[in-house]
Protein backbone atom coordinates (compact mmCIF):
# COMPACT_ATOMS: atom_id res chain seq x y z
CA UNK A 1 74.30 64.20 87.29
CA UNK A 2 74.80 61.42 84.82
CA UNK A 3 78.23 63.13 83.93
CA UNK A 4 79.22 62.80 87.52
CA UNK A 5 78.12 59.14 87.96
CA UNK A 6 79.99 58.15 84.64
CA UNK A 7 83.17 59.98 85.71
CA UNK A 8 85.80 57.23 86.84
CA UNK A 9 87.40 59.50 89.19
CA UNK A 10 84.41 59.45 91.64
CA UNK A 11 83.57 55.67 91.43
CA UNK A 12 85.91 55.13 94.49
CA UNK A 13 82.93 56.85 96.73
CA UNK A 14 79.95 56.16 94.47
CA UNK A 15 80.21 52.50 94.10
CA UNK A 16 80.24 51.86 97.63
CA UNK A 17 77.52 54.28 98.30
CA UNK A 18 75.56 52.59 95.61
CA UNK A 19 76.45 49.03 97.06
CA UNK A 20 75.02 50.40 100.69
CA UNK A 21 71.92 51.72 98.72
CA UNK A 22 71.07 48.47 96.88
CA UNK A 23 71.86 46.39 100.16
CA UNK A 24 69.12 48.41 101.94
CA UNK A 25 66.91 48.11 99.16
CA UNK A 26 67.33 44.62 98.76
CA UNK A 27 66.64 44.26 102.66
CA UNK A 28 63.55 46.48 101.97
CA UNK A 29 62.29 44.05 99.50
CA UNK A 30 62.82 41.24 101.84
CA UNK A 31 61.03 42.73 104.54
CA UNK A 32 57.89 43.50 102.17
CA UNK A 33 57.97 39.59 101.04
CA UNK A 34 57.74 38.70 104.69
CA UNK A 35 55.08 40.93 105.68
CA UNK A 36 56.91 43.68 107.34
CA UNK A 37 56.99 47.12 106.78
CA UNK A 38 60.22 48.57 105.76
CA UNK A 39 59.90 51.86 106.94
CA UNK A 40 59.14 50.61 110.47
CA UNK A 41 61.84 48.03 110.32
CA UNK A 42 64.53 50.61 109.50
CA UNK A 43 62.96 53.30 111.69
CA UNK A 44 63.94 50.66 114.72
CA UNK A 45 67.50 50.18 113.44
CA UNK A 46 67.88 53.95 113.45
CA UNK A 47 66.35 54.11 117.05
CA UNK A 48 68.60 51.19 117.82
CA UNK A 49 71.87 53.34 116.80
CA UNK A 50 70.93 56.91 117.74
CA UNK A 51 67.80 56.87 119.67
CA UNK A 52 69.77 57.66 123.00
CA UNK A 53 73.06 58.46 124.16
CA UNK A 54 73.59 54.87 125.66
CA UNK A 55 72.65 53.47 122.29
CA UNK A 56 74.99 55.90 120.39
CA UNK A 57 77.74 55.09 122.52
CA UNK A 58 77.15 50.92 122.05
CA UNK A 59 77.32 51.84 118.10
CA UNK A 60 80.96 52.81 118.64
CA UNK A 61 81.93 49.72 120.89
CA UNK A 62 80.34 47.62 118.23
CA UNK A 63 82.30 49.61 115.62
CA UNK A 64 85.71 49.43 117.08
CA UNK A 65 86.71 45.75 116.78
CA UNK A 66 85.11 45.89 113.24
CA UNK A 67 87.36 48.63 112.05
CA UNK A 68 90.45 46.74 112.95
CA UNK A 69 89.18 43.18 111.55
CA UNK A 70 88.52 45.42 108.23
CA UNK A 71 92.01 46.96 108.62
CA UNK A 72 93.61 43.41 108.87
CA UNK A 73 91.58 41.70 105.87
CA UNK A 74 92.30 44.91 103.92
CA UNK A 75 96.27 44.71 104.63
CA UNK A 76 96.29 41.34 103.25
CA UNK A 77 94.38 42.18 100.19
CA UNK A 78 96.60 45.08 99.32
CA UNK A 79 99.42 42.77 99.71
CA UNK A 80 98.30 39.73 97.61
CA UNK A 81 96.92 37.74 100.54
CA UNK A 82 93.47 36.66 101.79
CA UNK A 83 93.77 36.64 105.71
CA UNK A 84 90.67 34.58 106.69
CA UNK A 85 92.34 33.97 110.10
CA UNK A 86 91.58 37.29 111.46
CA UNK A 87 88.87 35.79 113.70
CA UNK A 88 91.75 33.41 115.54
CA UNK A 89 94.37 36.25 115.63
CA UNK A 90 91.67 38.51 117.21
CA UNK A 91 91.18 35.75 119.81
CA UNK A 92 94.82 35.33 120.70
CA UNK A 93 95.30 38.87 120.84
CA UNK A 94 92.17 39.28 123.36
CA UNK A 95 93.74 36.53 125.44
CA UNK A 96 97.20 38.20 125.31
CA UNK A 97 95.86 41.70 126.62
CA UNK A 98 94.07 39.98 129.24
CA UNK A 99 96.91 37.98 130.71
CA UNK A 100 99.17 41.12 130.60
CA UNK A 101 96.04 43.10 131.93
CA UNK A 102 96.00 40.72 134.92
CA UNK A 103 99.44 39.60 135.86
CA UNK A 104 101.53 42.64 134.99
CA UNK A 105 100.95 45.66 137.65
CA UNK A 106 102.65 48.76 136.54
CA UNK A 107 101.24 52.59 136.36
CA UNK A 108 98.56 52.92 133.79
CA UNK A 109 100.50 55.01 131.31
CA UNK A 110 102.84 51.85 130.89
CA UNK A 111 100.56 49.23 131.34
CA UNK A 112 97.83 50.04 128.80
CA UNK A 113 100.49 50.42 126.00
CA UNK A 114 101.76 47.21 126.95
CA UNK A 115 98.58 45.45 126.68
CA UNK A 116 97.69 47.01 123.38
CA UNK A 117 100.91 46.03 122.18
CA UNK A 118 100.75 42.42 123.49
CA UNK A 119 97.54 41.62 121.83
CA UNK A 120 99.48 43.11 118.42
CA UNK A 121 102.41 40.84 119.03
CA UNK A 122 99.93 37.86 119.75
CA UNK A 123 97.92 38.43 116.55
CA UNK A 124 101.06 38.79 114.76
CA UNK A 125 102.76 35.38 115.73
CA UNK A 126 99.68 33.90 115.02
CA UNK A 127 99.86 35.39 111.36
CA UNK A 128 103.30 34.35 111.25
CA UNK A 129 102.51 30.67 110.80
CA UNK A 130 100.16 30.83 107.90
CA UNK A 131 102.86 33.54 106.27
CA UNK A 132 105.89 31.37 107.06
CA UNK A 133 104.24 28.24 105.21
CA UNK A 134 103.41 30.33 102.35
CA UNK A 135 106.24 31.86 101.67
CA UNK A 136 108.22 28.66 102.39
CA UNK A 137 106.19 25.89 101.23
CA UNK A 138 103.53 27.73 99.05
CA UNK A 139 100.57 26.50 101.13
CA UNK A 140 97.92 28.64 100.67
CA UNK A 141 97.18 31.05 103.35
CA UNK A 142 93.43 30.28 103.16
CA UNK A 143 93.39 26.88 104.18
CA UNK A 144 95.93 27.40 107.15
CA UNK A 145 93.94 30.51 108.53
CA UNK A 146 90.82 28.55 108.89
CA UNK A 147 92.08 25.67 110.57
CA UNK A 148 94.03 28.20 112.90
CA UNK A 149 90.54 30.01 113.46
CA UNK A 150 89.25 26.67 115.29
CA UNK A 151 92.83 26.09 116.95
CA UNK A 152 92.64 29.66 118.63
CA UNK A 153 89.00 29.17 119.68
CA UNK A 154 89.66 25.90 121.54
CA UNK A 155 93.11 26.50 122.78
CA UNK A 156 92.32 29.88 124.06
CA UNK A 157 89.07 28.46 125.70
CA UNK A 158 91.35 26.03 127.53
CA UNK A 159 93.91 28.48 128.52
CA UNK A 160 91.47 31.03 130.24
CA UNK A 161 89.95 28.42 132.40
CA UNK A 162 93.45 27.21 133.37
CA UNK A 163 93.87 31.05 134.52
CA UNK A 164 93.94 31.42 138.51
CA UNK A 165 90.28 32.61 139.61
CA UNK A 166 88.77 31.83 136.14
CA UNK A 167 85.45 30.29 136.11
CA UNK A 168 84.21 28.02 133.18
CA UNK A 169 82.93 31.28 131.40
CA UNK A 170 85.25 33.88 132.05
CA UNK A 171 88.59 35.01 133.64
CA UNK A 172 88.86 37.33 136.55
CA UNK A 173 88.91 41.09 135.92
CA UNK A 174 92.04 43.15 134.44
CA UNK A 175 93.59 45.43 136.81
CA UNK A 176 91.99 48.93 136.16
CA UNK A 177 95.37 50.52 135.04
CA UNK A 178 94.99 48.17 131.94
CA UNK A 179 91.49 48.99 130.91
CA UNK A 180 90.63 51.04 127.88
CA UNK A 181 87.22 51.98 129.77
CA UNK A 182 86.49 55.42 130.53
CA UNK A 183 83.97 56.87 133.51
CA UNK A 184 83.96 60.09 131.36
CA UNK A 185 82.77 58.56 128.17
CA UNK A 186 80.38 56.35 129.83
CA UNK A 187 78.65 59.02 131.90
CA UNK A 188 78.02 61.46 128.55
CA UNK A 189 76.47 58.33 126.94
CA UNK A 190 74.21 57.12 129.85
CA UNK A 191 76.10 54.58 131.21
CA UNK A 192 77.28 52.91 128.14
CA UNK A 193 80.24 50.74 127.22
CA UNK A 194 81.77 53.31 125.30
CA UNK A 195 85.67 53.25 125.79
CA UNK A 196 88.88 54.84 124.14
CA UNK A 197 89.03 51.90 121.64
CA UNK A 198 87.20 53.81 118.87
CA UNK A 199 90.18 56.50 118.98
CA UNK A 200 92.83 54.00 118.49
CA UNK A 201 90.87 52.10 115.49
CA UNK A 202 91.11 55.67 113.86
CA UNK A 203 94.85 55.82 114.88
CA UNK A 204 95.33 52.17 113.44
CA UNK A 205 93.58 53.46 110.30
CA UNK A 206 96.18 56.28 109.97
CA UNK A 207 98.88 53.75 110.68
CA UNK A 208 97.56 51.44 107.60
CA UNK A 209 97.43 54.39 105.27
CA UNK A 210 100.87 55.39 106.05
CA UNK A 211 102.39 52.10 105.84
CA UNK A 212 100.79 51.27 102.43
CA UNK A 213 100.74 54.59 100.91
CA UNK A 214 103.68 56.57 102.17
CA UNK A 215 106.47 53.89 102.79
CA UNK A 216 109.01 52.04 100.85
CA UNK A 217 108.32 49.01 102.83
CA UNK A 218 104.54 49.67 102.05
CA UNK A 219 105.49 49.89 98.32
CA UNK A 220 107.61 46.61 98.60
CA UNK A 221 104.78 44.67 100.22
CA UNK A 222 102.16 45.71 97.54
CA UNK A 223 104.54 44.73 94.75
CA UNK A 224 105.60 41.52 95.94
CA UNK A 225 101.59 40.88 96.61
CA UNK A 226 101.06 42.07 92.70
CA UNK A 227 103.79 40.18 91.15
CA UNK A 228 106.08 38.14 93.35
CA UNK A 229 108.25 36.99 90.22
CA UNK A 230 108.94 40.63 89.16
CA UNK A 231 109.78 42.03 92.45
CA UNK A 232 112.40 39.22 92.99
CA UNK A 233 113.92 39.96 90.01
CA UNK A 234 113.96 43.63 91.21
CA UNK A 235 115.94 42.75 94.48
CA UNK A 236 112.98 42.24 96.79
CA UNK A 237 112.86 39.83 99.48
CA UNK A 238 109.65 38.15 98.31
CA UNK A 239 109.53 35.21 101.20
CA UNK A 240 110.33 37.79 103.91
CA UNK A 241 107.89 40.48 102.59
CA UNK A 242 104.72 37.57 102.64
CA UNK A 243 105.60 36.61 106.01
CA UNK A 244 105.53 40.40 107.67
CA UNK A 245 102.49 41.29 105.53
CA UNK A 246 100.74 38.41 107.08
CA UNK A 247 102.04 39.50 110.32
CA UNK A 248 101.18 42.73 110.23
CA UNK A 249 97.56 41.68 109.14
CA UNK A 250 97.55 39.76 112.24
CA UNK A 251 98.75 42.71 114.56
CA UNK A 252 95.48 44.54 113.55
CA UNK A 253 93.64 41.72 114.09
CA UNK A 254 95.12 41.22 117.52
CA UNK A 255 94.18 44.92 118.21
CA UNK A 256 90.61 44.02 117.63
CA UNK A 257 90.70 41.37 120.10
CA UNK A 258 92.14 44.00 122.81
CA UNK A 259 88.88 46.23 121.78
CA UNK A 260 86.83 43.65 123.24
CA UNK A 261 88.71 42.16 126.13
CA UNK A 262 90.20 45.08 127.85
CA UNK A 263 87.59 47.81 126.24
CA UNK A 264 84.07 46.31 126.22
CA UNK A 265 84.35 43.53 129.04
CA UNK A 266 87.69 44.02 130.88
CA UNK A 267 88.12 40.03 131.10
CA UNK A 268 88.36 36.85 128.88
CA UNK A 269 85.29 35.05 127.91
CA UNK A 270 85.04 31.28 127.04
CA UNK A 271 82.89 31.21 123.95
CA UNK A 272 81.23 28.19 122.61
CA UNK A 273 81.84 29.33 118.69
CA UNK A 274 83.38 32.22 116.92
CA UNK A 275 81.82 35.52 117.08
CA UNK A 276 82.13 36.51 113.50
CA UNK A 277 84.27 39.50 113.64
CA UNK A 278 86.93 38.10 111.47
CA UNK A 279 84.52 37.44 108.59
CA UNK A 280 82.74 40.60 108.94
CA UNK A 281 86.12 42.15 108.57
CA UNK A 282 86.02 40.81 104.99
CA UNK A 283 82.91 42.49 104.49
CA UNK A 284 84.27 45.82 106.01
CA UNK A 285 87.45 45.68 104.01
CA UNK A 286 85.39 45.24 100.62
CA UNK A 287 82.73 47.91 100.97
CA UNK A 288 85.68 50.13 102.53
CA UNK A 289 87.65 49.63 99.17
CA UNK A 290 90.77 48.48 100.75
CA UNK A 291 91.39 52.05 102.14
CA UNK A 292 92.06 52.88 105.70
CA UNK A 293 89.91 55.93 105.96
CA UNK A 294 87.00 54.19 104.03
CA UNK A 295 87.06 51.24 106.33
CA UNK A 296 86.42 53.80 109.40
CA UNK A 297 83.08 54.48 107.47
CA UNK A 298 82.62 51.02 106.38
CA UNK A 299 83.07 49.87 109.90
CA UNK A 300 80.82 52.21 111.25
CA UNK A 301 78.07 51.29 109.02
CA UNK A 302 78.50 47.56 110.09
CA UNK A 303 78.72 48.20 113.54
CA UNK A 304 75.37 50.02 113.45
CA UNK A 305 73.70 47.10 111.46
CA UNK A 306 75.25 44.95 114.51
CA UNK A 307 73.95 47.47 117.45
CA UNK A 308 70.73 48.11 115.60
CA UNK A 309 69.75 44.48 115.33
CA UNK A 310 68.54 43.80 118.58
CA UNK A 311 66.08 47.12 118.39
CA UNK A 312 65.06 45.80 115.27
CA UNK A 313 63.88 42.58 117.26
CA UNK A 314 62.07 44.36 119.78
CA UNK A 315 59.70 45.85 117.00
CA UNK A 316 58.82 42.77 116.04
CA UNK A 317 61.49 42.75 112.97
CA UNK A 318 63.82 39.61 113.04
CA UNK A 319 67.33 40.52 113.81
CA UNK A 320 68.59 38.27 110.87
CA UNK A 321 67.11 41.21 108.76
CA UNK A 322 70.06 42.94 109.87
CA UNK A 323 72.47 39.98 108.56
CA UNK A 324 70.86 39.73 105.57
CA UNK A 325 71.20 43.69 104.78
CA UNK A 326 74.92 43.19 105.28
CA UNK A 327 75.02 40.04 103.08
CA UNK A 328 73.65 42.12 100.24
CA UNK A 329 75.78 45.11 100.86
CA UNK A 330 78.75 42.86 100.52
CA UNK A 331 77.44 41.02 97.59
CA UNK A 332 76.98 44.34 95.82
CA UNK A 333 80.53 45.56 97.06
CA UNK A 334 81.94 42.48 95.43
CA UNK A 335 80.06 43.25 92.29
CA UNK A 336 81.92 46.64 91.90
CA UNK A 337 83.55 46.17 88.55
CA UNK A 338 79.86 45.34 87.08
CA UNK A 339 78.56 48.24 89.04
CA UNK A 340 81.47 50.40 87.39
CA UNK A 341 80.50 49.35 83.99
CA UNK A 342 76.91 49.98 84.42
CA UNK A 343 78.01 53.64 85.42
CA UNK A 344 80.38 53.75 82.36
CA UNK A 345 77.51 53.01 80.13
CA UNK A 346 74.87 55.73 81.78
CA UNK A 347 73.91 58.10 78.93
CA UNK A 348 75.19 56.22 76.15
CA UNK A 349 71.90 54.85 75.02
CA UNK A 350 70.49 58.54 74.74
CA UNK A 351 73.34 59.50 72.50
C-alpha cells in the first residue's frame, strides 16, 4: 500500500482524493468543536443529495454550471492565465441565452443550439477585453476580470429590467424551443429541475480535453502560457494566442450561464450580488488538477456540497459547514506539492 501511495504515477488521483478526505475530516473536527455530531451532519448531507430521486436530480442541476466554470478556470490555468472573471462571463452568457431564447422564434433543433452558441459567444467577447489588454498592454488579467465581474452584474441587471415584459426581479419566460428542460428527466426524478445541461457539460469536458491535449492549436496555447518568449522565438503568435485563450475560457463560463438561465429557470434573474459560481470554479479546477474529465468529478463533488447544504440546515447543522468543507478541500488541493512530498517520504523513516 505504501509503495502504491509513493508511486508518482498514482499521485494524479491519490492527491485529490486525499484533499477531499482531509477536507471532510477537517469539517468533522469543526462540527465536533461546535457541538455537532459529524455523523449526523454527513448523514444529512448524503440524504440531501441522494435521499430521493428529486434530490438526486437537483444534485446534477447544481453540478452542471460548476463543471463549466471549472473548465473555464482550468483552461486559463493550462494556458498561463488566471481567469477570475468566470462569474462575469457567466452572467453575460446567461443574459445572451435568454435574449435569443425570447426574441428568436425558430424550431427547437435550431433554437437550442443557437441559444447555447450565443451564450458561448457572449462569454468569449467578455473574455476578449482582459485578453486584449493582457496581450497588448501587459495589464494583468486578474485586475481586469475582477473589475469586469462587477460591470457585468450591474449592466446585465439593468438590461434585464429593460427587456419588454420584465419585472424588477426577472424577465419573461423564454420560448419552449429554447429550453434545456426535459419533462422526461423531470418525471423520472420526481419533478426535479433536472435538464439536459449535464450532458452538455460532459461534452464540454471532452471538447476541453481535445483542444488542450490533442491539437496543435492547444499545444501552442500551452506553450505561450508556459514561456511566451520561447514561443515567440519559435514563430508562434503570442498576443493572438493570449487573446484566444481568454476567449475560449470565457466561452466555457458563458455556457455555465446558459445552464442556469435556459436550464434551471427558463428566464433571466435580477440578482443583488454574484452567486459565486465563478469563484467556486477555481476550487473545481484546482481539485480536478485542471484535467477535463477530473473536473466532472470535482464539479459533482462541489455540486453535492451545494445541493446538500440545505438538508444539513434542516438537520440543525449550519449550512455554512458545507462552505467550510469546500474551503478546506481547496486548501488541501492547493497544498498538492506538500502532499506529494509527504507521500514520497512515506516508509523512508522505517528503512
